[in-house]
Protein backbone atom coordinates (compact mmCIF):
# COMPACT_ATOMS: atom_id res chain seq x y z
CA UNK A 1 0.20 -19.05 -33.57
CA UNK A 2 4.10 -18.35 -32.57
CA UNK A 3 4.30 -20.02 -35.83
CA UNK A 4 2.58 -17.70 -37.60
CA UNK A 5 4.61 -14.89 -36.42
CA UNK A 6 7.84 -16.03 -37.01
CA UNK A 7 6.72 -16.75 -40.13
CA UNK A 8 6.37 -12.88 -41.15
CA UNK A 9 10.04 -11.73 -40.00
CA UNK A 10 11.55 -9.82 -42.25
CA UNK A 11 8.46 -9.28 -44.44
CA UNK A 12 7.68 -6.67 -45.97
CA UNK A 13 4.55 -5.90 -45.03
CA UNK A 14 1.92 -2.67 -46.73
CA UNK A 15 -1.23 -2.17 -44.46
CA UNK A 16 -3.73 0.22 -45.02
CA UNK A 17 -5.49 1.97 -42.43
CA UNK A 18 -2.76 1.38 -39.96
CA UNK A 19 -3.95 4.47 -37.73
CA UNK A 20 -7.15 3.25 -36.87
CA UNK A 21 -7.80 0.42 -33.68
CA UNK A 22 -7.16 -3.06 -35.44
CA UNK A 23 -4.52 -1.48 -37.33
CA UNK A 24 -2.65 -0.09 -34.76
CA UNK A 25 -2.89 -3.77 -33.00
CA UNK A 26 -2.20 -5.69 -36.38
CA UNK A 27 0.71 -3.03 -36.95
CA UNK A 28 2.10 -3.05 -33.48
CA UNK A 29 1.98 -6.93 -33.39
CA UNK A 30 4.24 -7.35 -36.66
CA UNK A 31 6.26 -4.95 -35.99
CA UNK A 32 7.18 -6.05 -32.45
CA UNK A 33 7.72 -9.56 -34.40
CA UNK A 34 10.37 -8.54 -36.94
CA UNK A 35 8.35 -7.34 -39.82
CA UNK A 36 9.01 -4.57 -42.43
CA UNK A 37 5.93 -2.42 -42.25
CA UNK A 38 4.65 1.00 -44.37
CA UNK A 39 1.30 2.02 -43.17
CA UNK A 40 -0.67 4.06 -45.19
CA UNK A 41 -3.51 5.69 -43.97
CA UNK A 42 -5.22 9.09 -42.47
CA UNK A 43 -4.12 10.68 -39.84
CA UNK A 44 -5.60 9.03 -36.06
CA UNK A 45 -9.02 10.36 -35.79
CA UNK A 46 -9.82 9.85 -31.97
CA UNK A 47 -8.26 11.27 -28.98
CA UNK A 48 -6.72 9.67 -27.09
CA UNK A 49 -5.65 7.21 -30.28
CA UNK A 50 -4.06 3.89 -29.64
CA UNK A 51 -1.66 4.37 -32.83
CA UNK A 52 -0.23 7.44 -31.01
CA UNK A 53 0.16 5.91 -27.41
CA UNK A 54 2.04 2.59 -28.61
CA UNK A 55 4.29 5.49 -30.66
CA UNK A 56 3.84 3.52 -33.75
CA UNK A 57 4.42 7.05 -35.97
CA UNK A 58 7.68 6.31 -34.80
CA UNK A 59 8.72 2.50 -35.26
CA UNK A 60 7.14 2.01 -39.01
CA UNK A 61 7.36 3.88 -42.02
CA UNK A 62 3.98 5.98 -42.32
CA UNK A 63 2.66 7.54 -45.09
CA UNK A 64 -0.56 9.89 -44.06
CA UNK A 65 -2.76 10.60 -47.11
CA UNK A 66 -5.75 9.15 -48.33
CA UNK A 67 -6.55 5.90 -49.71
CA UNK A 68 -8.35 7.53 -52.86
CA UNK A 69 -5.66 9.30 -53.92
CA UNK A 70 -4.59 6.70 -56.27
CA UNK A 71 -1.23 8.13 -57.81
CA UNK A 72 0.07 8.22 -54.02
CA UNK A 73 -0.87 4.89 -53.01
CA UNK A 74 -0.10 3.16 -56.60
CA UNK A 75 4.03 5.04 -56.30
CA UNK A 76 3.79 4.05 -52.73
CA UNK A 77 3.12 0.76 -52.99
CA UNK A 78 5.30 -0.17 -55.85
CA UNK A 79 8.15 1.41 -54.25
CA UNK A 80 8.19 -0.69 -51.82
CA UNK A 81 6.98 -4.20 -53.36
CA UNK A 82 6.01 -5.66 -50.57
CA UNK A 83 4.83 -9.37 -49.82
CA UNK A 84 1.84 -8.58 -47.95
CA UNK A 85 -0.95 -6.55 -48.38
CA UNK A 86 -3.22 -6.09 -45.33
CA UNK A 87 -5.85 -3.67 -46.78
CA UNK A 88 -8.02 -2.46 -43.45
CA UNK A 89 -8.74 1.71 -44.89
CA UNK A 90 -12.32 2.25 -44.58
CA UNK A 91 -15.07 4.36 -43.66
CA UNK A 92 -16.44 1.80 -41.20
CA UNK A 93 -19.25 3.48 -39.67
CA UNK A 94 -23.11 2.87 -40.26
CA UNK A 95 -24.96 5.95 -39.09
CA UNK A 96 -21.96 8.10 -40.45
CA UNK A 97 -22.73 6.13 -43.69
CA UNK A 98 -25.91 8.09 -43.99
CA UNK A 99 -25.34 11.51 -43.95
CA UNK A 100 -21.48 10.82 -45.92
CA UNK A 101 -22.94 8.11 -48.52
CA UNK A 102 -20.83 9.27 -51.09
CA UNK A 103 -17.38 9.59 -49.12
CA UNK A 104 -18.55 6.12 -47.86
CA UNK A 105 -18.68 4.62 -51.45
CA UNK A 106 -15.60 6.22 -52.60
CA UNK A 107 -13.30 5.66 -49.72
CA UNK A 108 -15.26 1.64 -49.55
CA UNK A 109 -15.05 1.02 -53.29
CA UNK A 110 -12.98 3.22 -55.18
CA UNK A 111 -10.07 3.12 -52.45
CA UNK A 112 -10.43 -1.17 -52.36
CA UNK A 113 -10.11 -0.89 -55.95
CA UNK A 114 -6.96 1.41 -56.14
CA UNK A 115 -5.05 -0.79 -53.78
CA UNK A 116 -5.93 -3.84 -56.18
CA UNK A 117 -5.07 -1.72 -58.85
CA UNK A 118 -1.33 -0.59 -57.50
CA UNK A 119 -0.74 -4.23 -57.04
CA UNK A 120 -1.49 -5.44 -60.49
CA UNK A 121 1.80 -3.31 -61.24
CA UNK A 122 3.97 -5.67 -58.90
CA UNK A 123 6.81 -7.52 -60.39
CA UNK A 124 7.10 -9.37 -57.41
CA UNK A 125 5.04 -11.73 -55.73
CA UNK A 126 2.28 -10.48 -53.36
CA UNK A 127 -0.30 -12.12 -51.20
CA UNK A 128 -3.37 -9.40 -50.30
CA UNK A 129 -6.08 -9.60 -47.45
CA UNK A 130 -9.19 -7.27 -47.77
CA UNK A 131 -10.73 -6.45 -44.69
CA UNK A 132 -14.50 -6.30 -45.58
CA UNK A 133 -17.37 -6.91 -42.95
CA UNK A 134 -20.07 -9.53 -41.80
CA UNK A 135 -22.36 -6.46 -42.83
CA UNK A 136 -21.48 -7.60 -46.50
CA UNK A 137 -24.48 -10.20 -46.39
CA UNK A 138 -28.11 -9.25 -47.55
CA UNK A 139 -29.20 -9.55 -44.04
CA UNK A 140 -32.67 -12.13 -43.71
CA UNK A 141 -33.16 -11.02 -39.86
CA UNK A 142 -33.36 -15.40 -39.59
CA UNK A 143 -31.06 -17.15 -36.68
CA UNK A 144 -29.20 -18.95 -39.30
CA UNK A 145 -25.62 -17.90 -39.38
CA UNK A 146 -24.18 -16.30 -42.82
CA UNK A 147 -22.18 -18.31 -44.62
CA UNK A 148 -19.35 -17.02 -47.30
CA UNK A 149 -21.64 -18.66 -50.13
CA UNK A 150 -24.69 -16.42 -48.85
CA UNK A 151 -26.31 -13.22 -51.25
CA UNK A 152 -24.59 -10.28 -50.49
CA UNK A 153 -26.42 -6.79 -50.13
CA UNK A 154 -26.98 -3.94 -48.16
CA UNK A 155 -29.19 -1.93 -46.61
CA UNK A 156 -27.25 1.21 -45.26
CA UNK A 157 -24.85 2.93 -47.64
CA UNK A 158 -21.98 1.10 -45.75
CA UNK A 159 -23.51 -2.03 -46.10
CA UNK A 160 -23.57 -1.54 -49.65
CA UNK A 161 -20.19 -0.28 -49.90
CA UNK A 162 -18.55 -2.94 -48.32
CA UNK A 163 -20.61 -5.76 -50.59
CA UNK A 164 -19.46 -3.52 -53.77
CA UNK A 165 -15.85 -3.83 -52.97
CA UNK A 166 -17.04 -7.30 -52.12
CA UNK A 167 -17.75 -7.72 -55.69
CA UNK A 168 -14.64 -5.66 -57.00
CA UNK A 169 -12.26 -8.29 -55.26
CA UNK A 170 -13.80 -11.07 -56.61
CA UNK A 171 -13.91 -9.25 -60.35
CA UNK A 172 -10.16 -8.56 -59.72
CA UNK A 173 -9.16 -11.96 -58.97
CA UNK A 174 -10.93 -13.61 -61.66
CA UNK A 175 -10.22 -10.96 -63.84
CA UNK A 176 -6.42 -10.23 -63.56
CA UNK A 177 -4.79 -12.12 -60.82
CA UNK A 178 -5.71 -15.65 -61.70
CA UNK A 179 -2.49 -17.93 -62.72
CA UNK A 180 -0.61 -14.15 -61.35
CA UNK A 181 1.90 -13.56 -59.32
CA UNK A 182 -0.37 -11.56 -56.74
CA UNK A 183 -3.16 -13.68 -54.69
CA UNK A 184 -6.24 -11.48 -52.90
CA UNK A 185 -8.82 -13.28 -50.82
CA UNK A 186 -11.32 -11.07 -48.54
CA UNK A 187 -12.18 -11.42 -44.89
CA UNK A 188 -15.33 -10.93 -42.87
CA UNK A 189 -15.06 -10.61 -39.50
CA UNK A 190 -17.43 -10.11 -36.56
CA UNK A 191 -18.01 -6.96 -33.80
CA UNK A 192 -14.35 -6.67 -32.83
CA UNK A 193 -13.85 -5.14 -29.68
CA UNK A 194 -10.46 -5.02 -27.55
CA UNK A 195 -8.43 -2.24 -25.17
CA UNK A 196 -7.62 0.76 -27.20
CA UNK A 197 -10.70 1.39 -29.60
CA UNK A 198 -11.74 4.76 -28.76
CA UNK A 199 -14.48 5.52 -31.98
CA UNK A 200 -17.54 7.38 -32.22
CA UNK A 201 -20.45 5.67 -32.25
CA UNK A 202 -19.30 2.21 -31.20
CA UNK A 203 -20.68 0.08 -28.39
CA UNK A 204 -17.72 -0.41 -26.54
CA UNK A 205 -16.02 2.95 -26.78
CA UNK A 206 -19.76 4.46 -26.01
CA UNK A 207 -19.52 2.74 -22.76
CA UNK A 208 -15.96 3.33 -21.28
CA UNK A 209 -17.16 7.25 -22.00
CA UNK A 210 -20.30 6.43 -19.52
CA UNK A 211 -18.60 4.89 -16.61
CA UNK A 212 -16.27 7.56 -16.82
CA UNK A 213 -18.49 10.38 -16.92
CA UNK A 214 -20.69 8.38 -14.70
CA UNK A 215 -23.69 8.62 -16.82
CA UNK A 216 -26.32 6.57 -18.29
CA UNK A 217 -25.06 4.91 -21.47
CA UNK A 218 -28.03 5.21 -24.45
CA UNK A 219 -28.71 1.93 -26.42
CA UNK A 220 -30.58 2.34 -30.25
CA UNK A 221 -31.06 -1.79 -30.25
CA UNK A 222 -30.15 -3.45 -26.69
CA UNK A 223 -31.73 -6.64 -27.90
CA UNK A 224 -29.85 -6.70 -31.07
CA UNK A 225 -27.49 -10.12 -31.41
CA UNK A 226 -23.88 -9.28 -32.85
CA UNK A 227 -20.84 -12.00 -33.23
CA UNK A 228 -18.54 -10.22 -30.89
CA UNK A 229 -14.71 -11.15 -30.79
CA UNK A 230 -11.52 -10.17 -29.37
CA UNK A 231 -9.55 -8.18 -31.97
CA UNK A 232 -6.34 -10.76 -31.64
CA UNK A 233 -8.74 -13.46 -32.31
CA UNK A 234 -9.78 -12.35 -36.41
CA UNK A 235 -6.13 -11.04 -36.66
CA UNK A 236 -4.02 -14.23 -36.26
CA UNK A 237 -6.79 -15.39 -38.86
CA UNK A 238 -5.66 -12.52 -41.28
CA UNK A 239 -2.59 -13.75 -40.33
CA UNK A 240 -2.51 -17.40 -40.87
CA UNK A 241 -4.64 -17.08 -44.43
CA UNK A 242 -2.18 -14.89 -45.76
CA UNK A 243 1.13 -17.52 -44.55
CA UNK A 244 -1.15 -20.02 -46.07
CA UNK A 245 -1.55 -18.27 -49.22
CA UNK A 246 2.00 -18.48 -49.12
CA UNK A 247 2.88 -21.77 -49.00
CA UNK A 248 0.36 -23.03 -51.31
CA UNK A 249 -0.32 -20.60 -54.19
CA UNK A 250 -4.17 -21.10 -55.44
CA UNK A 251 -5.73 -22.81 -52.96
CA UNK A 252 -7.26 -20.09 -50.44
CA UNK A 253 -7.68 -16.45 -52.34
CA UNK A 254 -10.89 -16.91 -51.73
CA UNK A 255 -13.53 -14.96 -49.41
CA UNK A 256 -13.32 -16.05 -45.33
CA UNK A 257 -15.93 -15.28 -42.35
CA UNK A 258 -14.02 -15.12 -38.77
CA UNK A 259 -15.98 -14.89 -35.89
CA UNK A 260 -16.70 -16.42 -32.74
CA UNK A 261 -18.54 -19.98 -32.24
CA UNK A 262 -22.48 -20.08 -32.77
CA UNK A 263 -23.49 -20.28 -29.50
CA UNK A 264 -21.27 -17.22 -28.57
CA UNK A 265 -22.91 -14.77 -29.90
CA UNK A 266 -24.52 -11.55 -27.61
CA UNK A 267 -26.69 -9.12 -27.75
CA UNK A 268 -25.72 -5.76 -26.92
CA UNK A 269 -27.45 -5.39 -23.70
CA UNK A 270 -25.63 -8.61 -22.59
CA UNK A 271 -21.98 -6.93 -23.40
CA UNK A 272 -23.38 -4.28 -21.64
CA UNK A 273 -23.92 -6.29 -18.78
CA UNK A 274 -21.33 -8.26 -18.84
CA UNK A 275 -18.46 -5.31 -19.24
CA UNK A 276 -20.27 -3.57 -16.36
CA UNK A 277 -20.49 -6.19 -13.81
CA UNK A 278 -16.59 -6.44 -14.68
CA UNK A 279 -16.09 -3.23 -13.38
CA UNK A 280 -18.44 -3.84 -10.24
CA UNK A 281 -21.31 -1.73 -11.94
CA UNK A 282 -24.88 -1.74 -11.80
CA UNK A 283 -25.92 -2.40 -15.25
CA UNK A 284 -28.06 0.51 -16.33
CA UNK A 285 -29.21 2.37 -19.73
CA UNK A 286 -32.13 4.49 -21.37
CA UNK A 287 -33.20 3.72 -24.83
CA UNK A 288 -31.36 6.11 -27.21
CA UNK A 289 -34.39 9.16 -29.04
CA UNK A 290 -31.77 8.90 -32.12
CA UNK A 291 -33.49 6.08 -34.22
CA UNK A 292 -33.21 7.63 -37.93
CA UNK A 293 -30.44 4.27 -39.16
CA UNK A 294 -31.28 1.00 -40.11
CA UNK A 295 -29.79 -1.64 -37.90
CA UNK A 296 -29.86 -5.23 -38.22
CA UNK A 297 -31.68 -6.87 -35.76
CA UNK A 298 -29.70 -10.36 -35.62
CA UNK A 299 -26.53 -11.03 -37.38
CA UNK A 300 -24.34 -14.39 -36.78
CA UNK A 301 -21.47 -15.84 -38.91
CA UNK A 302 -20.94 -19.16 -39.80
CA UNK A 303 -16.99 -19.75 -39.26
CA UNK A 304 -16.98 -23.52 -40.18
CA UNK A 305 -15.18 -22.93 -43.57
CA UNK A 306 -11.99 -21.34 -41.86
CA UNK A 307 -12.44 -23.82 -38.99
CA UNK A 308 -12.44 -26.73 -41.34
CA UNK A 309 -9.52 -25.66 -44.32
CA UNK A 310 -7.67 -23.35 -42.36
CA UNK A 311 -7.75 -25.07 -38.90
CA UNK A 312 -8.55 -21.31 -36.88
CA UNK A 313 -11.51 -21.33 -34.46
CA UNK A 314 -11.25 -17.84 -31.74
CA UNK A 315 -9.40 -18.53 -29.21
CA UNK A 316 -10.52 -16.01 -26.60
CA UNK A 317 -14.76 -17.13 -25.69
CA UNK A 318 -16.61 -13.89 -25.93
CA UNK A 319 -17.59 -13.34 -22.19
CA UNK A 320 -13.87 -13.80 -21.66
CA UNK A 321 -13.29 -10.96 -24.41
CA UNK A 322 -15.93 -8.63 -22.92
CA UNK A 323 -14.29 -9.19 -19.43
CA UNK A 324 -10.66 -8.73 -21.07
CA UNK A 325 -11.47 -5.27 -23.13
CA UNK A 326 -12.81 -3.92 -19.68
CA UNK A 327 -9.80 -4.97 -17.57
CA UNK A 328 -7.90 -3.03 -20.46
CA UNK A 329 -9.65 0.12 -20.19
CA UNK A 330 -10.10 -0.05 -16.42
CA UNK A 331 -6.39 -0.82 -15.63
CA UNK A 332 -5.56 2.10 -18.52
CA UNK A 333 -7.89 4.95 -16.85
CA UNK A 334 -5.78 3.55 -13.28
CA UNK A 335 -2.36 4.72 -15.50
CA UNK A 336 -0.94 1.63 -17.08
CA UNK A 337 0.56 2.43 -20.04
CA UNK A 338 -1.42 1.13 -23.54
CA UNK A 339 1.93 -0.55 -24.66
CA UNK A 340 2.25 -2.55 -21.19
CA UNK A 341 -2.16 -3.15 -21.73
CA UNK A 342 -1.78 -4.30 -25.94
CA UNK A 343 1.64 -6.57 -24.95
CA UNK A 344 0.11 -8.46 -21.89
CA UNK A 345 -3.04 -9.34 -24.22
CA UNK A 346 -0.38 -10.31 -26.79
CA UNK A 347 1.56 -12.80 -23.87
CA UNK A 348 -1.45 -13.99 -22.74
CA UNK A 349 -3.70 -14.87 -25.57
CA UNK A 350 -0.53 -16.53 -27.26
CA UNK A 351 0.05 -18.96 -23.83
């Protein structure tokens, strides 16, 4: 992993969605290890926000704008001439997508097209990693983990927008980026957790809020199974993929799954229980009466392709990833700075 970080020293990296939870972790990680970064995103939409707590606005070239503004994204990419683009900007919430379907599709589909269309005009070599989601697969509610070759689909507007983005990425790859100086891969990660996420309608932030307010958390589907993983695991998968794409062109520009081992998946209730035990709290919850959005009951990812071809497997077991996340928030509420907590987790992960 240290070899991967060294590879990106002095590399020019364009990150969309750098003000979000995962984008902030990625931006901080690369900035601390000598990469030259330009970020493009809307303002942080949570308070507190990890982006602000890490002071990233003063550390990187940050462009605050909308991914749907093609002329602006084109200018910023072409002026910067990046070696790598990590496209994380998205509307990432399932329930929000029901009441804001057009915004969701515009951001997740047209926003992705804007990035790829702008990259087409680059003269230099550039490798693009488009981050989508584990929800791009047509969910059959089966026990089998989904492989990269399984059918794409989407019941809700969020899932359908991300599945459509995958088709778009594949089309650009075949139509414009074959034998080109541009390569594009898509990555499909499971449910990412870690310190510094205060987003609405996500399990870990909801748990943290319930602990802070001394209230019972409401769960919509406590028995739903998801592929939970610590944020650093998929991020290092993305970085390794980008490095390999650069070293061996034409071999790795494909779709890749990043998630926990199959026997590591947990139910929502199990995640809550582990988090509460880490805080010495008796685990309790109540069922949410607001069930107006469809959500899959079971979702697993097959990571055998990434394991075999990228030599990537998750470092942190899911239970420990949850405990590490619980400790992050506990220490933060005790007054430890986000920078110290993030750096400690990175150092621990590298060991």
